[in-house]
Amino acid sequence: MKYRIYVDEVGNSDLASSENSNHRYLCLTGVIVELDYVRSTLYPQIEQLKAKYFNYHPDEPIIFHRKELLRKKPPFSALVDAEVEKAFNSELIEKLGE
């Protein structure tokens, strides 16, 4: 059986570089998923989610980074609408929880 790991980091590893306590720590998060599940289920569902909520084109793939999602800047501008953001977050959490 093969697995894939998805890793993302947020924050700063240099504790002395910021006076803002929200930026003084580094968080590294990883998710390990069976590769067959990624191919058959997770990847297609995430691509459908991107197409549903964002100006998605397969030649210009959208990468989910939490920091960019929170800023709601292109390509995530649709999230400025609170109802759209709520629906997107709910669907994303549902898909990741399956």
N, C-alpha and C. Protein backbone atom coordinates (compact mmCIF):
# COMPACT_ATOMS: atom_id res chain seq x y z
N MET A 1 0.84 -1.18 0.00
CA MET A 1 0.00 0.00 0.00
C MET A 1 0.89 1.25 0.00
N LYS A 2 0.53 2.24 -0.83
CA LYS A 2 1.30 3.49 -0.89
C LYS A 2 0.47 4.61 -0.27
N TYR A 3 1.21 5.60 0.25
CA TYR A 3 0.56 6.73 0.90
C TYR A 3 1.13 8.03 0.35
N ARG A 4 0.35 9.09 0.51
CA ARG A 4 0.80 10.44 0.16
C ARG A 4 0.66 11.29 1.41
N ILE A 5 1.63 12.18 1.61
CA ILE A 5 1.54 13.12 2.73
C ILE A 5 1.43 14.53 2.18
N TYR A 6 0.49 15.26 2.72
CA TYR A 6 0.31 16.67 2.38
C TYR A 6 0.76 17.46 3.60
N VAL A 7 1.64 18.42 3.38
CA VAL A 7 2.21 19.19 4.48
C VAL A 7 2.05 20.68 4.18
N ASP A 8 1.72 21.44 5.21
CA ASP A 8 1.64 22.89 5.08
C ASP A 8 2.19 23.50 6.36
N GLU A 9 2.79 24.66 6.21
CA GLU A 9 3.32 25.37 7.36
C GLU A 9 2.76 26.78 7.37
N VAL A 10 2.65 27.31 8.55
CA VAL A 10 2.24 28.69 8.72
C VAL A 10 3.00 29.25 9.91
N GLY A 11 3.34 30.50 9.84
CA GLY A 11 4.05 31.13 10.93
C GLY A 11 5.50 31.39 10.60
N ASN A 12 6.29 31.50 11.64
CA ASN A 12 7.67 31.92 11.50
C ASN A 12 8.53 31.12 12.47
N SER A 13 9.59 30.56 11.97
CA SER A 13 10.45 29.76 12.84
C SER A 13 11.42 30.60 13.65
N ASP A 14 11.54 31.87 13.31
CA ASP A 14 12.45 32.78 14.02
C ASP A 14 11.67 33.54 15.09
N LEU A 15 11.74 33.09 16.33
CA LEU A 15 10.93 33.66 17.41
C LEU A 15 11.23 35.13 17.68
N ALA A 16 12.39 35.61 17.32
CA ALA A 16 12.75 36.99 17.60
C ALA A 16 12.34 37.94 16.48
N SER A 17 11.79 37.43 15.38
CA SER A 17 11.56 38.29 14.22
C SER A 17 10.26 39.07 14.26
N SER A 18 9.39 38.83 15.21
CA SER A 18 8.11 39.51 15.22
C SER A 18 7.68 39.87 16.63
N GLU A 19 7.15 41.06 16.75
CA GLU A 19 6.58 41.51 18.02
C GLU A 19 5.15 40.98 18.18
N ASN A 20 4.54 40.63 17.07
CA ASN A 20 3.16 40.15 17.07
C ASN A 20 3.16 38.67 17.49
N SER A 21 2.51 38.37 18.59
CA SER A 21 2.52 36.99 19.10
C SER A 21 1.82 36.01 18.16
N ASN A 22 0.96 36.51 17.27
CA ASN A 22 0.30 35.63 16.30
C ASN A 22 1.24 35.18 15.19
N HIS A 23 2.40 35.79 15.09
CA HIS A 23 3.35 35.47 14.02
C HIS A 23 4.66 34.92 14.56
N ARG A 24 4.73 34.63 15.84
CA ARG A 24 6.00 34.23 16.44
C ARG A 24 6.23 32.73 16.47
N TYR A 25 5.26 31.96 16.07
CA TYR A 25 5.40 30.51 16.18
C TYR A 25 5.18 29.85 14.82
N LEU A 26 5.81 28.73 14.66
CA LEU A 26 5.69 27.95 13.43
C LEU A 26 4.80 26.75 13.70
N CYS A 27 3.84 26.54 12.81
CA CYS A 27 2.96 25.38 12.90
C CYS A 27 3.14 24.57 11.63
N LEU A 28 3.44 23.31 11.79
CA LEU A 28 3.60 22.41 10.66
C LEU A 28 2.52 21.33 10.79
N THR A 29 1.70 21.20 9.75
CA THR A 29 0.59 20.25 9.77
C THR A 29 0.74 19.29 8.60
N GLY A 30 0.51 18.02 8.86
CA GLY A 30 0.58 17.03 7.80
C GLY A 30 -0.59 16.07 7.88
N VAL A 31 -0.99 15.60 6.71
CA VAL A 31 -2.06 14.62 6.60
C VAL A 31 -1.55 13.50 5.72
N ILE A 32 -1.67 12.28 6.19
CA ILE A 32 -1.23 11.11 5.42
C ILE A 32 -2.48 10.39 4.93
N VAL A 33 -2.50 10.13 3.61
CA VAL A 33 -3.68 9.54 2.99
C VAL A 33 -3.23 8.40 2.07
N GLU A 34 -4.00 7.33 2.04
CA GLU A 34 -3.71 6.22 1.14
C GLU A 34 -3.82 6.72 -0.30
N LEU A 35 -2.83 6.42 -1.13
CA LEU A 35 -2.74 6.93 -2.49
C LEU A 35 -3.94 6.51 -3.34
N ASP A 36 -4.41 5.29 -3.21
CA ASP A 36 -5.59 4.87 -3.98
C ASP A 36 -6.81 5.71 -3.63
N TYR A 37 -6.95 6.09 -2.36
CA TYR A 37 -8.06 6.94 -1.94
C TYR A 37 -7.91 8.34 -2.53
N VAL A 38 -6.69 8.84 -2.58
CA VAL A 38 -6.45 10.16 -3.19
C VAL A 38 -6.91 10.13 -4.64
N ARG A 39 -6.47 9.12 -5.38
CA ARG A 39 -6.80 9.02 -6.82
C ARG A 39 -8.30 8.86 -7.07
N SER A 40 -8.92 7.97 -6.33
CA SER A 40 -10.30 7.61 -6.63
C SER A 40 -11.33 8.55 -6.02
N THR A 41 -11.00 9.17 -4.90
CA THR A 41 -12.01 9.92 -4.16
C THR A 41 -11.60 11.35 -3.83
N LEU A 42 -10.55 11.51 -3.06
CA LEU A 42 -10.20 12.83 -2.54
C LEU A 42 -9.87 13.84 -3.64
N TYR A 43 -8.98 13.48 -4.56
CA TYR A 43 -8.59 14.41 -5.61
C TYR A 43 -9.78 14.86 -6.46
N PRO A 44 -10.61 13.94 -6.97
CA PRO A 44 -11.76 14.38 -7.76
C PRO A 44 -12.73 15.27 -6.96
N GLN A 45 -12.94 14.95 -5.70
CA GLN A 45 -13.85 15.76 -4.89
C GLN A 45 -13.30 17.16 -4.64
N ILE A 46 -12.02 17.26 -4.38
CA ILE A 46 -11.41 18.58 -4.14
C ILE A 46 -11.42 19.41 -5.43
N GLU A 47 -11.17 18.77 -6.57
CA GLU A 47 -11.21 19.49 -7.85
C GLU A 47 -12.63 19.99 -8.13
N GLN A 48 -13.64 19.20 -7.81
CA GLN A 48 -15.03 19.63 -7.98
C GLN A 48 -15.35 20.82 -7.08
N LEU A 49 -14.83 20.79 -5.88
CA LEU A 49 -15.03 21.89 -4.93
C LEU A 49 -14.39 23.18 -5.48
N LYS A 50 -13.20 23.08 -6.01
CA LYS A 50 -12.54 24.25 -6.61
C LYS A 50 -13.36 24.81 -7.77
N ALA A 51 -13.87 23.92 -8.63
CA ALA A 51 -14.67 24.35 -9.78
C ALA A 51 -15.98 25.00 -9.33
N LYS A 52 -16.55 24.51 -8.26
CA LYS A 52 -17.83 25.04 -7.77
C LYS A 52 -17.71 26.45 -7.20
N TYR A 53 -16.62 26.72 -6.47
CA TYR A 53 -16.52 27.97 -5.73
C TYR A 53 -15.57 29.01 -6.32
N PHE A 54 -14.64 28.59 -7.15
CA PHE A 54 -13.61 29.51 -7.62
C PHE A 54 -13.49 29.49 -9.13
N ASN A 55 -12.83 30.50 -9.67
CA ASN A 55 -12.60 30.58 -11.11
C ASN A 55 -11.51 29.58 -11.46
N TYR A 56 -11.91 28.35 -11.60
CA TYR A 56 -10.99 27.23 -11.71
C TYR A 56 -10.76 26.85 -13.17
N HIS A 57 -9.52 26.60 -13.51
CA HIS A 57 -9.18 26.06 -14.82
C HIS A 57 -8.06 25.05 -14.62
N PRO A 58 -8.16 23.85 -15.21
CA PRO A 58 -7.16 22.81 -14.97
C PRO A 58 -5.75 23.18 -15.41
N ASP A 59 -5.63 24.13 -16.35
CA ASP A 59 -4.29 24.57 -16.78
C ASP A 59 -3.66 25.55 -15.80
N GLU A 60 -4.47 26.08 -14.91
CA GLU A 60 -3.98 27.00 -13.87
C GLU A 60 -4.52 26.51 -12.53
N PRO A 61 -3.95 25.43 -12.01
CA PRO A 61 -4.52 24.81 -10.81
C PRO A 61 -4.49 25.74 -9.59
N ILE A 62 -5.52 25.61 -8.80
CA ILE A 62 -5.64 26.35 -7.55
C ILE A 62 -5.10 25.46 -6.44
N ILE A 63 -4.23 26.03 -5.62
CA ILE A 63 -3.67 25.31 -4.48
C ILE A 63 -4.27 25.91 -3.21
N PHE A 64 -4.83 25.04 -2.37
CA PHE A 64 -5.40 25.51 -1.12
C PHE A 64 -4.28 25.76 -0.10
N HIS A 65 -4.08 27.01 0.25
CA HIS A 65 -3.20 27.40 1.35
C HIS A 65 -4.06 28.21 2.31
N ARG A 66 -4.08 27.81 3.55
CA ARG A 66 -4.98 28.43 4.53
C ARG A 66 -4.81 29.95 4.60
N LYS A 67 -3.59 30.42 4.56
CA LYS A 67 -3.33 31.86 4.66
C LYS A 67 -4.02 32.61 3.52
N GLU A 68 -3.91 32.10 2.31
CA GLU A 68 -4.52 32.75 1.16
C GLU A 68 -6.05 32.64 1.21
N LEU A 69 -6.55 31.51 1.69
CA LEU A 69 -8.00 31.36 1.83
C LEU A 69 -8.54 32.40 2.83
N LEU A 70 -7.83 32.59 3.92
CA LEU A 70 -8.28 33.56 4.93
C LEU A 70 -8.28 34.98 4.41
N ARG A 71 -7.34 35.32 3.55
CA ARG A 71 -7.25 36.68 3.00
C ARG A 71 -8.33 36.96 1.97
N LYS A 72 -8.90 35.91 1.39
CA LYS A 72 -10.01 36.01 0.44
C LYS A 72 -9.64 36.83 -0.80
N LYS A 73 -8.40 36.74 -1.19
CA LYS A 73 -7.92 37.40 -2.40
C LYS A 73 -7.96 36.39 -3.54
N PRO A 74 -7.95 36.87 -4.80
CA PRO A 74 -7.97 35.93 -5.93
C PRO A 74 -6.93 34.84 -5.77
N PRO A 75 -7.30 33.64 -6.05
CA PRO A 75 -8.54 33.17 -6.66
C PRO A 75 -9.67 32.89 -5.68
N PHE A 76 -9.50 33.30 -4.42
CA PHE A 76 -10.48 32.97 -3.38
C PHE A 76 -11.43 34.12 -3.05
N SER A 77 -11.61 35.04 -3.99
CA SER A 77 -12.46 36.22 -3.78
C SER A 77 -13.91 35.87 -3.46
N ALA A 78 -14.39 34.75 -3.94
CA ALA A 78 -15.78 34.36 -3.68
C ALA A 78 -16.06 34.24 -2.18
N LEU A 79 -15.00 34.02 -1.40
CA LEU A 79 -15.17 33.83 0.04
C LEU A 79 -15.47 35.12 0.79
N VAL A 80 -15.43 36.25 0.09
CA VAL A 80 -15.80 37.53 0.71
C VAL A 80 -17.27 37.47 1.15
N ASP A 81 -18.09 36.78 0.37
CA ASP A 81 -19.49 36.58 0.72
C ASP A 81 -19.56 35.57 1.87
N ALA A 82 -20.09 36.00 3.00
CA ALA A 82 -20.11 35.16 4.21
C ALA A 82 -20.85 33.84 4.01
N GLU A 83 -21.92 33.85 3.25
CA GLU A 83 -22.68 32.62 3.01
C GLU A 83 -21.89 31.65 2.13
N VAL A 84 -21.19 32.17 1.14
CA VAL A 84 -20.36 31.33 0.27
C VAL A 84 -19.22 30.74 1.10
N GLU A 85 -18.60 31.57 1.94
CA GLU A 85 -17.51 31.09 2.79
C GLU A 85 -17.99 29.98 3.72
N LYS A 86 -19.15 30.17 4.31
CA LYS A 86 -19.70 29.16 5.23
C LYS A 86 -19.96 27.85 4.48
N ALA A 87 -20.56 27.94 3.30
CA ALA A 87 -20.85 26.74 2.51
C ALA A 87 -19.57 26.04 2.08
N PHE A 88 -18.58 26.81 1.62
CA PHE A 88 -17.31 26.24 1.20
C PHE A 88 -16.62 25.53 2.36
N ASN A 89 -16.50 26.20 3.49
CA ASN A 89 -15.84 25.61 4.65
C ASN A 89 -16.55 24.33 5.09
N SER A 90 -17.86 24.34 5.07
CA SER A 90 -18.63 23.18 5.47
C SER A 90 -18.38 22.00 4.52
N GLU A 91 -18.38 22.27 3.22
CA GLU A 91 -18.12 21.20 2.25
C GLU A 91 -16.68 20.68 2.34
N LEU A 92 -15.74 21.59 2.52
CA LEU A 92 -14.34 21.18 2.61
C LEU A 92 -14.13 20.29 3.83
N ILE A 93 -14.64 20.69 4.96
CA ILE A 93 -14.50 19.90 6.18
C ILE A 93 -15.19 18.54 6.02
N GLU A 94 -16.35 18.53 5.39
CA GLU A 94 -17.06 17.27 5.15
C GLU A 94 -16.21 16.32 4.29
N LYS A 95 -15.62 16.84 3.23
CA LYS A 95 -14.82 16.00 2.33
C LYS A 95 -13.55 15.48 3.02
N LEU A 96 -12.94 16.32 3.83
CA LEU A 96 -11.72 15.90 4.52
C LEU A 96 -12.02 14.91 5.65
N GLY A 97 -13.26 14.91 6.12
CA GLY A 97 -13.63 14.02 7.20
C GLY A 97 -14.09 12.65 6.75
N GLU A 98 -14.27 12.47 5.44
CA GLU A 98 -14.76 11.18 4.93
C GLU A 98 -13.72 10.10 5.03
